[in-house]
Protein backbone atom coordinates (compact mmCIF):
# COMPACT_ATOMS: atom_id res chain seq x y z
CA UNK A 1 -7.54 -3.48 26.71
CA UNK A 2 -8.85 -0.87 24.32
CA UNK A 3 -11.40 -1.96 21.70
CA UNK A 4 -10.87 -0.79 18.13
CA UNK A 5 -14.02 -1.93 16.38
CA UNK A 6 -14.12 -1.05 12.72
CA UNK A 7 -17.33 -1.07 10.73
CA UNK A 8 -16.15 -2.50 7.42
CA UNK A 9 -19.26 -1.39 5.54
CA UNK A 10 -18.78 2.25 6.56
CA UNK A 11 -15.04 2.10 5.87
CA UNK A 12 -15.61 0.74 2.37
CA UNK A 13 -18.43 3.22 1.75
CA UNK A 14 -16.08 6.05 2.75
CA UNK A 15 -13.48 4.83 0.24
CA UNK A 16 -15.40 4.11 -2.96
CA UNK A 17 -12.48 4.75 -5.34
CA UNK A 18 -10.16 2.44 -3.45
CA UNK A 19 -12.87 -0.19 -3.17
CA UNK A 20 -13.65 0.01 -6.89
CA UNK A 21 -9.94 -0.21 -7.74
CA UNK A 22 -9.62 -3.30 -5.54
CA UNK A 23 -12.65 -4.88 -7.21
CA UNK A 24 -11.33 -4.13 -10.69
CA UNK A 25 -7.96 -5.66 -9.76
CA UNK A 26 -9.73 -8.80 -8.56
CA UNK A 27 -11.84 -9.04 -11.72
CA UNK A 28 -8.89 -8.54 -14.07
CA UNK A 29 -6.68 -10.80 -11.96
CA UNK A 30 -9.13 -13.66 -12.44
CA UNK A 31 -9.76 -12.92 -16.13
CA UNK A 32 -6.07 -12.52 -16.99
CA UNK A 33 -5.16 -15.49 -14.80
CA UNK A 34 -7.52 -17.67 -16.82
CA UNK A 35 -6.29 -16.16 -20.07
CA UNK A 36 -2.70 -16.86 -19.04
CA UNK A 37 -3.46 -20.41 -18.06
CA UNK A 38 -5.38 -21.28 -21.22
CA UNK A 39 -4.56 -19.00 -24.12
CA UNK A 40 -1.26 -17.22 -23.59
CA UNK A 41 0.77 -20.41 -23.35
CA UNK A 42 0.06 -20.89 -27.06
CA UNK A 43 1.54 -17.53 -28.05
CA UNK A 44 4.18 -16.78 -25.40
CA UNK A 45 7.38 -18.54 -24.43
CA UNK A 46 7.56 -19.99 -20.87
CA UNK A 47 9.17 -16.79 -19.50
CA UNK A 48 6.37 -14.74 -21.02
CA UNK A 49 3.74 -17.00 -19.47
CA UNK A 50 5.50 -16.71 -16.09
CA UNK A 51 5.49 -12.91 -16.39
CA UNK A 52 1.81 -12.97 -17.34
CA UNK A 53 1.00 -15.10 -14.30
CA UNK A 54 3.06 -12.80 -12.06
CA UNK A 55 1.16 -9.73 -13.27
CA UNK A 56 -2.15 -11.54 -12.73
CA UNK A 57 -1.14 -12.59 -9.22
CA UNK A 58 -0.20 -9.04 -8.29
CA UNK A 59 -3.64 -7.85 -9.37
CA UNK A 60 -5.27 -10.49 -7.17
CA UNK A 61 -2.98 -9.96 -4.18
CA UNK A 62 -3.17 -6.18 -4.25
CA UNK A 63 -6.96 -6.20 -4.74
CA UNK A 64 -7.44 -8.42 -1.70
CA UNK A 65 -4.80 -6.58 0.32
CA UNK A 66 -6.39 -3.18 -0.37
CA UNK A 67 -9.78 -4.47 0.81
CA UNK A 68 -8.14 -5.90 3.92
CA UNK A 69 -6.25 -2.67 4.55
CA UNK A 70 -9.46 -0.66 4.27
CA UNK A 71 -10.95 -2.75 7.06
CA UNK A 72 -8.39 -1.16 9.40
CA UNK A 73 -9.92 2.24 8.79
CA UNK A 74 -6.54 3.57 7.59
CA UNK A 75 -6.25 4.67 3.95
CA UNK A 76 -2.89 6.46 3.95
CA UNK A 77 -0.65 5.18 1.15
CA UNK A 78 -3.28 2.99 -0.50
CA UNK A 79 -3.65 5.24 -3.54
CA UNK A 80 0.08 4.76 -4.10
CA UNK A 81 -0.50 1.00 -3.98
CA UNK A 82 -3.28 1.35 -6.56
CA UNK A 83 -1.14 3.37 -8.98
CA UNK A 84 1.84 1.10 -8.38
CA UNK A 85 -0.26 -1.94 -9.21
CA UNK A 86 -1.60 -0.31 -12.37
CA UNK A 87 1.92 0.55 -13.53
CA UNK A 88 3.48 -2.76 -12.48
CA UNK A 89 0.90 -5.19 -13.84
CA UNK A 90 -0.18 -2.89 -16.67
CA UNK A 91 3.34 -2.52 -18.02
CA UNK A 92 3.93 -6.28 -17.92
CA UNK A 93 0.66 -6.95 -19.74
CA UNK A 94 1.45 -4.17 -22.21
CA UNK A 95 4.87 -5.62 -22.95
CA UNK A 96 3.46 -9.11 -23.45
CA UNK A 97 0.45 -8.08 -25.54
CA UNK A 98 2.75 -5.87 -27.59
CA UNK A 99 5.07 -8.81 -28.18
CA UNK A 100 2.15 -10.99 -29.31
CA UNK A 101 0.91 -8.21 -31.62
CA UNK A 102 4.40 -7.64 -33.04
CA UNK A 103 4.60 -4.10 -31.66
CA UNK A 104 7.67 -2.48 -30.17
CA UNK A 105 6.59 -1.34 -26.72
CA UNK A 106 9.95 -1.55 -24.98
CA UNK A 107 9.28 1.91 -23.53
CA UNK A 108 7.04 0.10 -21.01
CA UNK A 109 9.97 -1.89 -19.58
CA UNK A 110 11.25 0.81 -17.20
CA UNK A 111 7.71 1.44 -15.90
CA UNK A 112 7.51 -1.96 -14.19
CA UNK A 113 10.03 -1.22 -11.40
CA UNK A 114 8.48 2.24 -10.89
CA UNK A 115 5.19 0.48 -10.21
CA UNK A 116 6.89 -1.88 -7.79
CA UNK A 117 8.51 1.04 -5.98
CA UNK A 118 5.15 2.80 -5.67
CA UNK A 119 3.59 -0.34 -4.16
CA UNK A 120 6.43 -0.61 -1.65
CA UNK A 121 6.17 3.09 -0.78
CA UNK A 122 2.39 2.87 -0.41
CA UNK A 123 2.49 -0.11 1.92
CA UNK A 124 5.29 1.56 3.88
CA UNK A 125 3.17 4.71 4.31
CA UNK A 126 0.16 2.62 5.33
CA UNK A 127 2.19 0.68 7.89
CA UNK A 128 3.98 3.78 9.19
CA UNK A 129 0.62 5.47 9.83
CA UNK A 130 0.00 2.93 12.61
CA UNK A 131 3.31 3.77 14.28
CA UNK A 132 2.42 7.45 14.18
CA UNK A 133 -1.09 6.90 15.55
CA UNK A 134 0.12 4.66 18.39
CA UNK A 135 2.23 7.41 19.94
């Protein structure tokens, strides 16, 4: 059986932008998760709180997933995941903060599914890179 040892420290060092993005997602996921659990329920309806929690969860999940993906040594598609996460979670937060502030930011609504599509495409590219390299 062939050994595929990956040195995580060197992989992360070779991908500082992706690593920083993952860290920022984790930080904001925790901060916004706490904000959603303690403060937003006072100013948003239950659907708004659910959306806030969803956006926070995606930050946490994608941050951890990007770090895990980097440990494979394969980076293909991960920048798409980063931008998809920014658009997906960012547009949800923007819509909700806009609602709280009384601003009309409905232009952000169509951005959410674009972000989701970019995440799907990025993870598909990342996964497909293993099929290509195994041939």
